[in-house]
Amino acid sequence: MKNPAPKTTDMEQRISVEYSNVLNEVRTRINSFQTIIHGTASLPEWLTAELLYLQLRMLCELVAVGCLVAHGEIEKEKLGQVLKRHEPGVMLKKLESLHPDFFPKPIKVTSTSGSHHIDFIEDGFLTKSQFFELYVECHQHLHRGSVSHIYSLTNPKQPPRVEDAVEWAKRLLALLNTHHIVSSVKGKMLVCWLAHEQVGGNSFVVIAKAPGCEK
């Protein structure tokens, strides 16, 4: 399947740059996991896990902000006050009401002789519903809780686990490593790499024709 780059507007070029910046921070935070784990070996495991969940919480915000940035062609008037909010759930629910196919989808891109073939990945990544589960889990682990809950003998607050945080990060990486986002502009999509050799290992975003719109 050939996906030649369509003509891009100034707004689409700005979206590509801004979304690349978001992805660069995403990559940095995901890469920080091993540094956090090895650098906190002398700490209790639950404290290391809390530091990892803090990164996951920030990553949730970045995914939500990134979705808003990637759909910058949607009129600000339609988004309303959501642009001033920081809760990922609120931002994404509003965006979904305007553009149901807004969430990133993981892909594999194979390029040969100027032709680019896209395969869609079916499993092993963070789905949209799991994204909301992760956000709730981060909220639970990053708040100490009420007195009655913390010191409950029958239902005490459970500490976070490093392996759970790492598994979430793996699924998030599988989602964003190479992905596409369907634009609200008919026939266009963003093809995105979390790291690409063409730009020295930084994030890379291009505007392409959506599948079925090559001609």
N, C-alpha and C. Protein backbone atom coordinates (compact mmCIF):
# COMPACT_ATOMS: atom_id res chain seq x y z
N MET A 1 0.84 -1.19 0.00
CA MET A 1 0.00 0.00 0.00
C MET A 1 0.87 1.25 0.00
N LYS A 2 0.63 2.12 -0.93
CA LYS A 2 1.37 3.36 -0.98
C LYS A 2 0.60 4.45 -0.27
N ASN A 3 1.34 5.21 0.55
CA ASN A 3 0.72 6.32 1.26
C ASN A 3 1.55 7.58 1.05
N PRO A 4 1.51 8.17 -0.16
CA PRO A 4 2.29 9.38 -0.41
C PRO A 4 1.80 10.50 0.48
N ALA A 5 2.72 11.35 0.86
CA ALA A 5 2.35 12.45 1.74
C ALA A 5 1.48 13.45 1.00
N PRO A 6 0.31 13.75 1.53
CA PRO A 6 -0.54 14.75 0.88
C PRO A 6 -0.02 16.15 1.16
N LYS A 7 -0.56 17.11 0.46
CA LYS A 7 -0.19 18.49 0.77
C LYS A 7 -0.66 18.82 2.17
N THR A 8 0.22 19.46 2.93
CA THR A 8 -0.12 19.79 4.31
C THR A 8 -0.31 21.29 4.47
N THR A 9 -1.21 21.63 5.36
CA THR A 9 -1.46 23.03 5.67
C THR A 9 -0.48 23.49 6.73
N ASP A 10 -0.42 24.80 6.96
CA ASP A 10 0.43 25.33 8.03
C ASP A 10 0.01 24.77 9.39
N MET A 11 -1.30 24.62 9.58
CA MET A 11 -1.79 24.07 10.85
C MET A 11 -1.33 22.63 11.03
N GLU A 12 -1.38 21.84 9.96
CA GLU A 12 -0.96 20.45 10.06
C GLU A 12 0.54 20.34 10.32
N GLN A 13 1.33 21.22 9.75
CA GLN A 13 2.76 21.23 10.05
C GLN A 13 3.01 21.57 11.51
N ARG A 14 2.23 22.53 12.02
CA ARG A 14 2.36 22.88 13.44
C ARG A 14 1.95 21.71 14.33
N ILE A 15 0.88 21.03 13.95
CA ILE A 15 0.43 19.86 14.71
C ILE A 15 1.52 18.79 14.75
N SER A 16 2.17 18.56 13.61
CA SER A 16 3.24 17.55 13.55
C SER A 16 4.37 17.89 14.52
N VAL A 17 4.77 19.14 14.53
CA VAL A 17 5.87 19.56 15.41
C VAL A 17 5.46 19.45 16.87
N GLU A 18 4.27 19.94 17.20
CA GLU A 18 3.82 19.95 18.59
C GLU A 18 3.59 18.53 19.11
N TYR A 19 3.03 17.68 18.26
CA TYR A 19 2.80 16.30 18.70
C TYR A 19 4.13 15.56 18.85
N SER A 20 5.10 15.86 18.00
CA SER A 20 6.44 15.29 18.15
C SER A 20 7.04 15.67 19.50
N ASN A 21 6.83 16.91 19.92
CA ASN A 21 7.35 17.36 21.21
C ASN A 21 6.71 16.58 22.36
N VAL A 22 5.41 16.33 22.25
CA VAL A 22 4.73 15.52 23.27
C VAL A 22 5.34 14.12 23.32
N LEU A 23 5.54 13.52 22.16
CA LEU A 23 6.09 12.16 22.10
C LEU A 23 7.51 12.10 22.63
N ASN A 24 8.28 13.15 22.42
CA ASN A 24 9.64 13.17 22.97
C ASN A 24 9.61 13.07 24.49
N GLU A 25 8.68 13.77 25.12
CA GLU A 25 8.57 13.68 26.58
C GLU A 25 8.06 12.31 27.00
N VAL A 26 7.13 11.75 26.23
CA VAL A 26 6.64 10.40 26.52
C VAL A 26 7.80 9.41 26.51
N ARG A 27 8.65 9.49 25.50
CA ARG A 27 9.78 8.56 25.39
C ARG A 27 10.72 8.72 26.58
N THR A 28 11.00 9.96 26.97
CA THR A 28 11.90 10.21 28.09
C THR A 28 11.34 9.60 29.38
N ARG A 29 10.05 9.76 29.60
CA ARG A 29 9.45 9.24 30.84
C ARG A 29 9.39 7.71 30.85
N ILE A 30 9.09 7.10 29.70
CA ILE A 30 9.09 5.64 29.65
C ILE A 30 10.51 5.11 29.85
N ASN A 31 11.48 5.75 29.23
CA ASN A 31 12.87 5.31 29.39
C ASN A 31 13.39 5.49 30.81
N SER A 32 12.73 6.33 31.59
CA SER A 32 13.19 6.58 32.96
C SER A 32 12.90 5.41 33.90
N PHE A 33 12.08 4.46 33.47
CA PHE A 33 11.66 3.38 34.37
C PHE A 33 12.85 2.58 34.90
N GLN A 34 13.74 2.17 34.01
CA GLN A 34 14.87 1.36 34.46
C GLN A 34 15.78 2.17 35.38
N THR A 35 15.95 3.45 35.10
CA THR A 35 16.77 4.30 35.97
C THR A 35 16.15 4.40 37.36
N ILE A 36 14.84 4.57 37.41
CA ILE A 36 14.15 4.65 38.70
C ILE A 36 14.28 3.33 39.46
N ILE A 37 14.06 2.21 38.76
CA ILE A 37 14.11 0.90 39.43
C ILE A 37 15.50 0.62 39.99
N HIS A 38 16.54 0.84 39.19
CA HIS A 38 17.90 0.54 39.65
C HIS A 38 18.39 1.58 40.65
N GLY A 39 17.95 2.81 40.50
CA GLY A 39 18.42 3.87 41.38
C GLY A 39 17.77 3.90 42.74
N THR A 40 16.70 3.12 42.90
CA THR A 40 15.99 3.11 44.19
C THR A 40 16.02 1.71 44.81
N ALA A 41 17.04 0.94 44.49
CA ALA A 41 17.12 -0.44 44.98
C ALA A 41 17.15 -0.53 46.50
N SER A 42 17.63 0.53 47.15
CA SER A 42 17.72 0.51 48.62
C SER A 42 16.42 0.93 49.30
N LEU A 43 15.45 1.35 48.51
CA LEU A 43 14.17 1.79 49.06
C LEU A 43 13.17 0.64 49.11
N PRO A 44 12.13 0.76 49.93
CA PRO A 44 11.07 -0.26 49.91
C PRO A 44 10.45 -0.35 48.52
N GLU A 45 10.02 -1.53 48.13
CA GLU A 45 9.47 -1.71 46.78
C GLU A 45 8.27 -0.81 46.54
N TRP A 46 7.43 -0.64 47.55
CA TRP A 46 6.23 0.18 47.35
C TRP A 46 6.57 1.62 47.02
N LEU A 47 7.69 2.11 47.55
CA LEU A 47 8.08 3.49 47.27
C LEU A 47 8.61 3.61 45.84
N THR A 48 9.38 2.62 45.39
CA THR A 48 9.82 2.60 43.99
C THR A 48 8.60 2.55 43.07
N ALA A 49 7.62 1.72 43.43
CA ALA A 49 6.41 1.59 42.61
C ALA A 49 5.65 2.91 42.55
N GLU A 50 5.60 3.63 43.67
CA GLU A 50 4.91 4.93 43.66
C GLU A 50 5.58 5.90 42.69
N LEU A 51 6.93 5.88 42.65
CA LEU A 51 7.64 6.75 41.71
C LEU A 51 7.32 6.37 40.26
N LEU A 52 7.18 5.07 40.01
CA LEU A 52 6.82 4.62 38.67
C LEU A 52 5.39 5.02 38.32
N TYR A 53 4.49 4.89 39.29
CA TYR A 53 3.10 5.29 39.04
C TYR A 53 2.98 6.79 38.84
N LEU A 54 3.87 7.54 39.44
CA LEU A 54 3.87 8.98 39.19
C LEU A 54 4.18 9.25 37.71
N GLN A 55 5.15 8.51 37.17
CA GLN A 55 5.45 8.66 35.75
C GLN A 55 4.27 8.21 34.89
N LEU A 56 3.60 7.14 35.29
CA LEU A 56 2.44 6.67 34.55
C LEU A 56 1.32 7.72 34.57
N ARG A 57 1.16 8.37 35.70
CA ARG A 57 0.15 9.43 35.80
C ARG A 57 0.47 10.58 34.85
N MET A 58 1.74 10.95 34.80
CA MET A 58 2.16 12.00 33.88
C MET A 58 2.00 11.54 32.43
N LEU A 59 2.25 10.27 32.18
CA LEU A 59 2.09 9.74 30.83
C LEU A 59 0.62 9.74 30.41
N CYS A 60 -0.28 9.48 31.35
CA CYS A 60 -1.71 9.57 31.04
C CYS A 60 -2.06 10.98 30.59
N GLU A 61 -1.54 11.96 31.30
CA GLU A 61 -1.80 13.35 30.93
C GLU A 61 -1.22 13.66 29.56
N LEU A 62 -0.03 13.15 29.28
CA LEU A 62 0.61 13.41 27.99
C LEU A 62 -0.17 12.78 26.84
N VAL A 63 -0.69 11.57 27.06
CA VAL A 63 -1.51 10.94 26.02
C VAL A 63 -2.75 11.78 25.74
N ALA A 64 -3.39 12.25 26.80
CA ALA A 64 -4.60 13.07 26.63
C ALA A 64 -4.27 14.39 25.94
N VAL A 65 -3.23 15.05 26.41
CA VAL A 65 -2.82 16.31 25.78
C VAL A 65 -2.40 16.07 24.33
N GLY A 66 -1.69 14.96 24.10
CA GLY A 66 -1.26 14.64 22.75
C GLY A 66 -2.43 14.44 21.81
N CYS A 67 -3.49 13.81 22.29
CA CYS A 67 -4.68 13.62 21.46
C CYS A 67 -5.30 14.97 21.09
N LEU A 68 -5.33 15.89 22.05
CA LEU A 68 -5.86 17.22 21.75
C LEU A 68 -4.97 17.93 20.73
N VAL A 69 -3.65 17.82 20.91
CA VAL A 69 -2.71 18.46 19.98
C VAL A 69 -2.86 17.85 18.59
N ALA A 70 -2.96 16.52 18.52
CA ALA A 70 -3.03 15.83 17.23
C ALA A 70 -4.30 16.18 16.47
N HIS A 71 -5.32 16.61 17.19
CA HIS A 71 -6.58 17.00 16.55
C HIS A 71 -6.78 18.51 16.66
N GLY A 72 -5.70 19.22 16.47
CA GLY A 72 -5.75 20.68 16.59
C GLY A 72 -6.61 21.36 15.55
N GLU A 73 -7.02 20.58 14.52
CA GLU A 73 -7.87 21.18 13.49
C GLU A 73 -9.32 21.31 13.97
N ILE A 74 -9.65 20.64 15.10
CA ILE A 74 -10.99 20.79 15.66
C ILE A 74 -11.11 22.18 16.28
N GLU A 75 -12.15 22.88 15.95
CA GLU A 75 -12.29 24.27 16.40
C GLU A 75 -12.30 24.35 17.93
N LYS A 76 -11.57 25.33 18.45
CA LYS A 76 -11.47 25.51 19.89
C LYS A 76 -12.84 25.74 20.52
N GLU A 77 -13.75 26.36 19.74
CA GLU A 77 -15.08 26.63 20.27
C GLU A 77 -15.80 25.32 20.61
N LYS A 78 -15.55 24.26 19.82
CA LYS A 78 -16.20 22.98 20.07
C LYS A 78 -15.62 22.29 21.30
N LEU A 79 -14.33 22.50 21.54
CA LEU A 79 -13.69 21.88 22.70
C LEU A 79 -14.03 22.61 23.99
N GLY A 80 -14.30 23.89 23.89
CA GLY A 80 -14.71 24.67 25.06
C GLY A 80 -13.66 24.70 26.16
N GLN A 81 -14.11 24.58 27.40
CA GLN A 81 -13.24 24.71 28.56
C GLN A 81 -12.31 23.51 28.76
N VAL A 82 -12.50 22.44 27.97
CA VAL A 82 -11.67 21.25 28.15
C VAL A 82 -10.20 21.57 27.91
N LEU A 83 -9.91 22.59 27.10
CA LEU A 83 -8.52 22.97 26.83
C LEU A 83 -7.81 23.49 28.08
N LYS A 84 -8.59 23.89 29.08
CA LYS A 84 -8.00 24.42 30.32
C LYS A 84 -7.98 23.37 31.44
N ARG A 85 -8.49 22.18 31.15
CA ARG A 85 -8.54 21.13 32.15
C ARG A 85 -7.28 20.28 32.08
N HIS A 86 -6.98 19.57 33.16
CA HIS A 86 -5.81 18.70 33.17
C HIS A 86 -6.17 17.24 33.43
N GLU A 87 -7.46 16.94 33.62
CA GLU A 87 -7.87 15.56 33.87
C GLU A 87 -7.98 14.80 32.54
N PRO A 88 -7.15 13.76 32.34
CA PRO A 88 -7.19 13.02 31.08
C PRO A 88 -8.57 12.48 30.73
N GLY A 89 -9.31 11.99 31.73
CA GLY A 89 -10.63 11.45 31.46
C GLY A 89 -11.57 12.48 30.87
N VAL A 90 -11.57 13.68 31.43
CA VAL A 90 -12.43 14.75 30.95
C VAL A 90 -12.06 15.14 29.53
N MET A 91 -10.76 15.28 29.29
CA MET A 91 -10.29 15.70 27.96
C MET A 91 -10.67 14.69 26.89
N LEU A 92 -10.45 13.40 27.18
CA LEU A 92 -10.67 12.39 26.16
C LEU A 92 -12.16 12.14 25.92
N LYS A 93 -12.97 12.21 26.95
CA LYS A 93 -14.41 12.02 26.77
C LYS A 93 -14.98 13.12 25.87
N LYS A 94 -14.52 14.35 26.07
CA LYS A 94 -14.98 15.45 25.23
C LYS A 94 -14.52 15.26 23.79
N LEU A 95 -13.25 14.87 23.63
CA LEU A 95 -12.72 14.66 22.28
C LEU A 95 -13.45 13.52 21.58
N GLU A 96 -13.78 12.48 22.32
CA GLU A 96 -14.49 11.34 21.74
C GLU A 96 -15.87 11.75 21.23
N SER A 97 -16.50 12.68 21.93
CA SER A 97 -17.82 13.13 21.49
C SER A 97 -17.75 13.90 20.17
N LEU A 98 -16.58 14.47 19.86
CA LEU A 98 -16.40 15.24 18.63
C LEU A 98 -15.82 14.40 17.50
N HIS A 99 -15.01 13.40 17.87
CA HIS A 99 -14.32 12.58 16.87
C HIS A 99 -14.09 11.19 17.46
N PRO A 100 -15.04 10.27 17.29
CA PRO A 100 -14.99 8.96 17.94
C PRO A 100 -13.70 8.17 17.69
N ASP A 101 -13.07 8.38 16.54
CA ASP A 101 -11.88 7.60 16.18
C ASP A 101 -10.59 8.37 16.52
N PHE A 102 -10.58 9.01 17.68
CA PHE A 102 -9.49 9.94 18.01
C PHE A 102 -8.27 9.27 18.60
N PHE A 103 -8.41 8.08 19.19
CA PHE A 103 -7.35 7.48 20.00
C PHE A 103 -6.27 6.86 19.12
N PRO A 104 -4.99 6.91 19.56
CA PRO A 104 -3.90 6.30 18.78
C PRO A 104 -4.13 4.81 18.55
N LYS A 105 -3.63 4.30 17.44
CA LYS A 105 -3.69 2.87 17.14
C LYS A 105 -2.30 2.42 16.71
N PRO A 106 -1.79 1.34 17.31
CA PRO A 106 -0.43 0.89 17.00
C PRO A 106 -0.36 0.23 15.62
N ILE A 107 0.75 0.46 14.94
CA ILE A 107 0.95 -0.08 13.60
C ILE A 107 2.40 -0.52 13.43
N LYS A 108 2.64 -1.24 12.37
CA LYS A 108 4.00 -1.56 11.92
C LYS A 108 4.14 -1.04 10.51
N VAL A 109 5.16 -0.22 10.28
CA VAL A 109 5.37 0.38 8.97
C VAL A 109 6.60 -0.26 8.31
N THR A 110 6.40 -0.79 7.12
CA THR A 110 7.49 -1.36 6.34
C THR A 110 7.67 -0.50 5.09
N SER A 111 8.88 0.03 4.91
CA SER A 111 9.14 0.93 3.78
C SER A 111 10.13 0.28 2.81
N THR A 112 9.75 0.26 1.54
CA THR A 112 10.62 -0.27 0.49
C THR A 112 10.44 0.54 -0.79
N SER A 113 11.52 1.08 -1.29
CA SER A 113 11.52 1.80 -2.58
C SER A 113 10.42 2.85 -2.68
N GLY A 114 10.28 3.63 -1.64
CA GLY A 114 9.30 4.71 -1.68
C GLY A 114 7.88 4.29 -1.39
N SER A 115 7.67 2.99 -1.18
CA SER A 115 6.33 2.49 -0.85
C SER A 115 6.28 2.13 0.63
N HIS A 116 5.20 2.47 1.28
CA HIS A 116 5.08 2.26 2.72
C HIS A 116 3.88 1.36 2.99
N HIS A 117 4.14 0.22 3.60
CA HIS A 117 3.08 -0.73 3.91
C HIS A 117 2.79 -0.68 5.41
N ILE A 118 1.52 -0.57 5.74
CA ILE A 118 1.10 -0.47 7.14
C ILE A 118 0.34 -1.72 7.54
N ASP A 119 0.82 -2.36 8.62
CA ASP A 119 0.10 -3.47 9.24
C ASP A 119 -0.42 -3.00 10.59
N PHE A 120 -1.65 -3.37 10.89
CA PHE A 120 -2.26 -2.96 12.15
C PHE A 120 -2.00 -4.01 13.22
N ILE A 121 -1.54 -3.59 14.37
CA ILE A 121 -1.27 -4.48 15.49
C ILE A 121 -2.57 -4.74 16.24
N GLU A 122 -2.83 -5.99 16.57
CA GLU A 122 -4.13 -6.38 17.11
C GLU A 122 -4.17 -6.53 18.62
N ASP A 123 -3.03 -6.78 19.26
CA ASP A 123 -3.08 -7.02 20.72
C ASP A 123 -1.74 -6.66 21.35
N GLY A 124 -1.72 -6.72 22.68
CA GLY A 124 -0.50 -6.47 23.43
C GLY A 124 -0.23 -5.02 23.76
N PHE A 125 -1.16 -4.12 23.42
CA PHE A 125 -0.96 -2.69 23.65
C PHE A 125 -2.05 -2.15 24.57
N LEU A 126 -1.86 -0.92 24.99
CA LEU A 126 -2.82 -0.27 25.88
C LEU A 126 -4.03 0.20 25.06
N THR A 127 -5.18 -0.40 25.32
CA THR A 127 -6.38 0.00 24.61
C THR A 127 -6.97 1.26 25.24
N LYS A 128 -7.96 1.81 24.58
CA LYS A 128 -8.60 3.02 25.12
C LYS A 128 -9.26 2.73 26.46
N SER A 129 -9.94 1.62 26.58
CA SER A 129 -10.58 1.29 27.86
C SER A 129 -9.55 1.04 28.95
N GLN A 130 -8.43 0.41 28.60
CA GLN A 130 -7.37 0.18 29.57
C GLN A 130 -6.71 1.49 29.98
N PHE A 131 -6.69 2.46 29.07
CA PHE A 131 -6.14 3.76 29.42
C PHE A 131 -6.90 4.36 30.60
N PHE A 132 -8.22 4.27 30.57
CA PHE A 132 -9.01 4.82 31.66
C PHE A 132 -8.82 4.00 32.94
N GLU A 133 -8.62 2.69 32.81
CA GLU A 133 -8.32 1.85 33.97
C GLU A 133 -7.00 2.27 34.60
N LEU A 134 -6.00 2.52 33.76
CA LEU A 134 -4.70 2.95 34.26
C LEU A 134 -4.80 4.27 35.00
N TYR A 135 -5.56 5.19 34.44
CA TYR A 135 -5.70 6.50 35.07
C TYR A 135 -6.31 6.37 36.47
N VAL A 136 -7.33 5.53 36.60
CA VAL A 136 -7.96 5.31 37.90
C VAL A 136 -6.97 4.66 38.86
N GLU A 137 -6.21 3.69 38.38
CA GLU A 137 -5.24 3.00 39.22
C GLU A 137 -4.15 3.97 39.71
N CYS A 138 -3.70 4.86 38.84
CA CYS A 138 -2.71 5.86 39.24
C CYS A 138 -3.28 6.74 40.34
N HIS A 139 -4.52 7.15 40.17
CA HIS A 139 -5.18 8.01 41.16
C HIS A 139 -5.23 7.30 42.52
N GLN A 140 -5.53 6.03 42.51
CA GLN A 140 -5.63 5.28 43.77
C GLN A 140 -4.28 5.16 44.46
N HIS A 141 -3.22 4.92 43.69
CA HIS A 141 -1.91 4.69 44.29
C HIS A 141 -1.20 5.99 44.69
N LEU A 142 -1.57 7.10 44.08
CA LEU A 142 -0.86 8.35 44.36
C LEU A 142 -1.61 9.23 45.35
N HIS A 143 -2.61 8.67 46.00
CA HIS A 143 -3.28 9.35 47.12
C HIS A 143 -3.20 8.43 48.32
N ARG A 144 -2.81 8.99 49.46
CA ARG A 144 -2.59 8.16 50.65
C ARG A 144 -3.87 7.55 51.16
N GLY A 145 -5.00 8.20 50.92
CA GLY A 145 -6.27 7.64 51.35
C GLY A 145 -6.74 8.22 52.67
N SER A 146 -7.94 7.85 53.05
CA SER A 146 -8.52 8.34 54.30
C SER A 146 -7.95 7.57 55.48
N VAL A 147 -8.11 8.13 56.67
CA VAL A 147 -7.62 7.48 57.89
C VAL A 147 -8.25 6.11 58.07
N SER A 148 -9.57 6.04 57.85
CA SER A 148 -10.28 4.77 58.05
C SER A 148 -9.80 3.71 57.07
N HIS A 149 -9.42 4.14 55.88
CA HIS A 149 -8.97 3.19 54.86
C HIS A 149 -7.54 2.76 55.12
N ILE A 150 -6.69 3.72 55.43
CA ILE A 150 -5.26 3.41 55.62
C ILE A 150 -5.05 2.40 56.74
N TYR A 151 -5.78 2.59 57.84
CA TYR A 151 -5.56 1.75 59.02
C TYR A 151 -6.65 0.70 59.21
N SER A 152 -7.39 0.41 58.14
CA SER A 152 -8.42 -0.61 58.22
C SER A 152 -7.80 -1.99 58.40
N LEU A 153 -8.37 -2.79 59.31
CA LEU A 153 -7.87 -4.14 59.54
C LEU A 153 -8.51 -5.14 58.58
N THR A 154 -9.68 -4.77 58.05
CA THR A 154 -10.40 -5.69 57.17
C THR A 154 -10.18 -5.39 55.69
N ASN A 155 -9.91 -4.12 55.36
CA ASN A 155 -9.71 -3.75 53.95
C ASN A 155 -8.64 -2.66 53.84
N PRO A 156 -7.40 -3.00 54.22
CA PRO A 156 -6.33 -1.99 54.20
C PRO A 156 -5.96 -1.60 52.77
N LYS A 157 -5.43 -0.40 52.62
CA LYS A 157 -4.99 0.08 51.31
C LYS A 157 -3.80 -0.76 50.86
N GLN A 158 -3.89 -1.32 49.65
CA GLN A 158 -2.83 -2.16 49.13
C GLN A 158 -1.75 -1.32 48.45
N PRO A 159 -0.47 -1.58 48.76
CA PRO A 159 0.60 -0.80 48.13
C PRO A 159 0.75 -1.16 46.66
N PRO A 160 1.24 -0.23 45.85
CA PRO A 160 1.48 -0.53 44.43
C PRO A 160 2.63 -1.50 44.26
N ARG A 161 2.66 -2.19 43.14
CA ARG A 161 3.71 -3.16 42.86
C ARG A 161 4.50 -2.73 41.62
N VAL A 162 5.82 -2.91 41.69
CA VAL A 162 6.70 -2.53 40.59
C VAL A 162 6.33 -3.27 39.32
N GLU A 163 6.05 -4.58 39.44
CA GLU A 163 5.77 -5.37 38.24
C GLU A 163 4.49 -4.90 37.53
N ASP A 164 3.53 -4.42 38.29
CA ASP A 164 2.30 -3.90 37.67
C ASP A 164 2.59 -2.62 36.90
N ALA A 165 3.38 -1.73 37.52
CA ALA A 165 3.72 -0.47 36.85
C ALA A 165 4.52 -0.73 35.58
N VAL A 166 5.45 -1.68 35.62
CA VAL A 166 6.26 -2.01 34.45
C VAL A 166 5.39 -2.58 33.34
N GLU A 167 4.43 -3.41 33.69
CA GLU A 167 3.54 -3.99 32.68
C GLU A 167 2.70 -2.91 32.01
N TRP A 168 2.22 -1.94 32.77
CA TRP A 168 1.48 -0.82 32.18
C TRP A 168 2.38 -0.06 31.20
N ALA A 169 3.63 0.17 31.60
CA ALA A 169 4.56 0.92 30.74
C ALA A 169 4.83 0.16 29.45
N LYS A 170 4.94 -1.17 29.53
CA LYS A 170 5.16 -1.98 28.33
C LYS A 170 3.98 -1.86 27.37
N ARG A 171 2.78 -1.89 27.90
CA ARG A 171 1.59 -1.78 27.06
C ARG A 171 1.49 -0.39 26.44
N LEU A 172 1.87 0.62 27.21
CA LEU A 172 1.86 1.98 26.69
C LEU A 172 2.90 2.14 25.58
N LEU A 173 4.07 1.55 25.77
CA LEU A 173 5.11 1.59 24.74
C LEU A 173 4.65 0.87 23.48
N ALA A 174 3.97 -0.26 23.64
CA ALA A 174 3.47 -1.00 22.49
C ALA A 174 2.43 -0.18 21.71
N LEU A 175 1.68 0.64 22.43
CA LEU A 175 0.69 1.50 21.78
C LEU A 175 1.35 2.61 20.96
N LEU A 176 2.35 3.25 21.56
CA LEU A 176 2.87 4.49 20.99
C LEU A 176 4.17 4.34 20.21
N ASN A 177 4.83 3.20 20.29
CA ASN A 177 6.14 3.06 19.65
C ASN A 177 6.07 3.47 18.17
N THR A 178 5.14 2.89 17.44
CA THR A 178 4.79 3.36 16.10
C THR A 178 3.26 3.29 16.02
N HIS A 179 2.64 4.42 15.75
CA HIS A 179 1.18 4.44 15.76
C HIS A 179 0.65 5.43 14.74
N HIS A 180 -0.64 5.35 14.52
CA HIS A 180 -1.28 6.34 13.66
C HIS A 180 -2.51 6.89 14.36
N ILE A 181 -2.87 8.10 13.98
CA ILE A 181 -4.06 8.76 14.52
C ILE A 181 -4.87 9.24 13.32
N VAL A 182 -6.11 8.83 13.27
CA VAL A 182 -6.99 9.26 12.19
C VAL A 182 -7.39 10.71 12.42
N SER A 183 -7.11 11.54 11.45
CA SER A 183 -7.45 12.96 11.57
C SER A 183 -8.95 13.15 11.42
N SER A 184 -9.46 14.23 12.02
CA SER A 184 -10.87 14.58 11.80
C SER A 184 -11.05 15.17 10.40
N VAL A 185 -9.93 15.49 9.74
CA VAL A 185 -9.97 15.92 8.33
C VAL A 185 -10.05 14.66 7.48
N LYS A 186 -11.08 14.49 6.71
CA LYS A 186 -11.32 13.27 5.96
C LYS A 186 -10.15 12.94 5.03
N GLY A 187 -9.73 11.67 5.10
CA GLY A 187 -8.70 11.19 4.18
C GLY A 187 -7.28 11.38 4.66
N LYS A 188 -7.08 11.91 5.88
CA LYS A 188 -5.72 12.14 6.37
C LYS A 188 -5.52 11.45 7.72
N MET A 189 -4.27 11.15 7.99
CA MET A 189 -3.90 10.59 9.29
C MET A 189 -2.48 11.02 9.64
N LEU A 190 -2.17 10.93 10.93
CA LEU A 190 -0.81 11.16 11.40
C LEU A 190 -0.15 9.80 11.58
N VAL A 191 1.04 9.63 11.03
CA VAL A 191 1.85 8.45 11.26
C VAL A 191 3.00 8.87 12.16
N CYS A 192 3.15 8.18 13.29
CA CYS A 192 4.02 8.69 14.36
C CYS A 192 4.98 7.62 14.86
N TRP A 193 6.22 8.03 15.06
CA TRP A 193 7.25 7.17 15.64
C TRP A 193 7.73 7.80 16.95
N LEU A 194 7.80 6.99 17.99
CA LEU A 194 8.31 7.49 19.26
C LEU A 194 9.80 7.83 19.14
N ALA A 195 10.50 7.07 18.31
CA ALA A 195 11.92 7.34 18.02
C ALA A 195 12.18 6.90 16.58
N HIS A 196 12.86 7.76 15.83
CA HIS A 196 13.12 7.44 14.42
C HIS A 196 14.55 7.85 14.07
N GLU A 197 15.27 6.96 13.39
CA GLU A 197 16.67 7.22 13.06
C GLU A 197 16.82 8.42 12.13
N GLN A 198 15.78 8.73 11.36
CA GLN A 198 15.85 9.85 10.42
C GLN A 198 16.04 11.18 11.13
N VAL A 199 15.61 11.24 12.39
CA VAL A 199 15.74 12.49 13.16
C VAL A 199 16.58 12.26 14.42
N GLY A 200 17.56 11.38 14.31
CA GLY A 200 18.51 11.17 15.39
C GLY A 200 17.93 10.51 16.63
N GLY A 201 16.92 9.66 16.44
CA GLY A 201 16.33 8.97 17.58
C GLY A 201 15.24 9.75 18.28
N ASN A 202 14.91 10.92 17.76
CA ASN A 202 13.82 11.70 18.34
C ASN A 202 12.49 11.23 17.74
N SER A 203 11.41 11.79 18.25
CA SER A 203 10.10 11.44 17.74
C SER A 203 9.89 12.06 16.37
N PHE A 204 9.05 11.41 15.57
CA PHE A 204 8.86 11.82 14.19
C PHE A 204 7.39 11.64 13.83
N VAL A 205 6.80 12.66 13.23
CA VAL A 205 5.38 12.63 12.85
C VAL A 205 5.23 13.14 11.44
N VAL A 206 4.49 12.39 10.62
CA VAL A 206 4.22 12.83 9.25
C VAL A 206 2.72 12.76 9.00
N ILE A 207 2.25 13.61 8.10
CA ILE A 207 0.88 13.57 7.65
C ILE A 207 0.80 12.68 6.40
N ALA A 208 -0.09 11.72 6.41
CA ALA A 208 -0.22 10.78 5.29
C ALA A 208 -1.67 10.62 4.89
N LYS A 209 -1.86 10.05 3.72
CA LYS A 209 -3.21 9.72 3.31
C LYS A 209 -3.69 8.50 4.08
N ALA A 210 -4.93 8.55 4.53
CA ALA A 210 -5.49 7.43 5.26
C ALA A 210 -5.70 6.24 4.34
N PRO A 211 -5.63 5.01 4.87
CA PRO A 211 -5.88 3.83 4.03
C PRO A 211 -7.21 3.94 3.30
N GLY A 212 -7.18 3.57 2.04
CA GLY A 212 -8.39 3.67 1.23
C GLY A 212 -8.52 4.99 0.50
N CYS A 213 -7.55 5.92 0.78
CA CYS A 213 -7.60 7.24 0.14
C CYS A 213 -6.33 7.51 -0.64
N GLU A 214 -5.64 6.43 -1.08
CA GLU A 214 -4.35 6.60 -1.74
C GLU A 214 -4.48 7.23 -3.11
N LYS A 215 -5.61 7.03 -3.78
CA LYS A 215 -5.74 7.51 -5.15
C LYS A 215 -6.18 8.95 -5.20
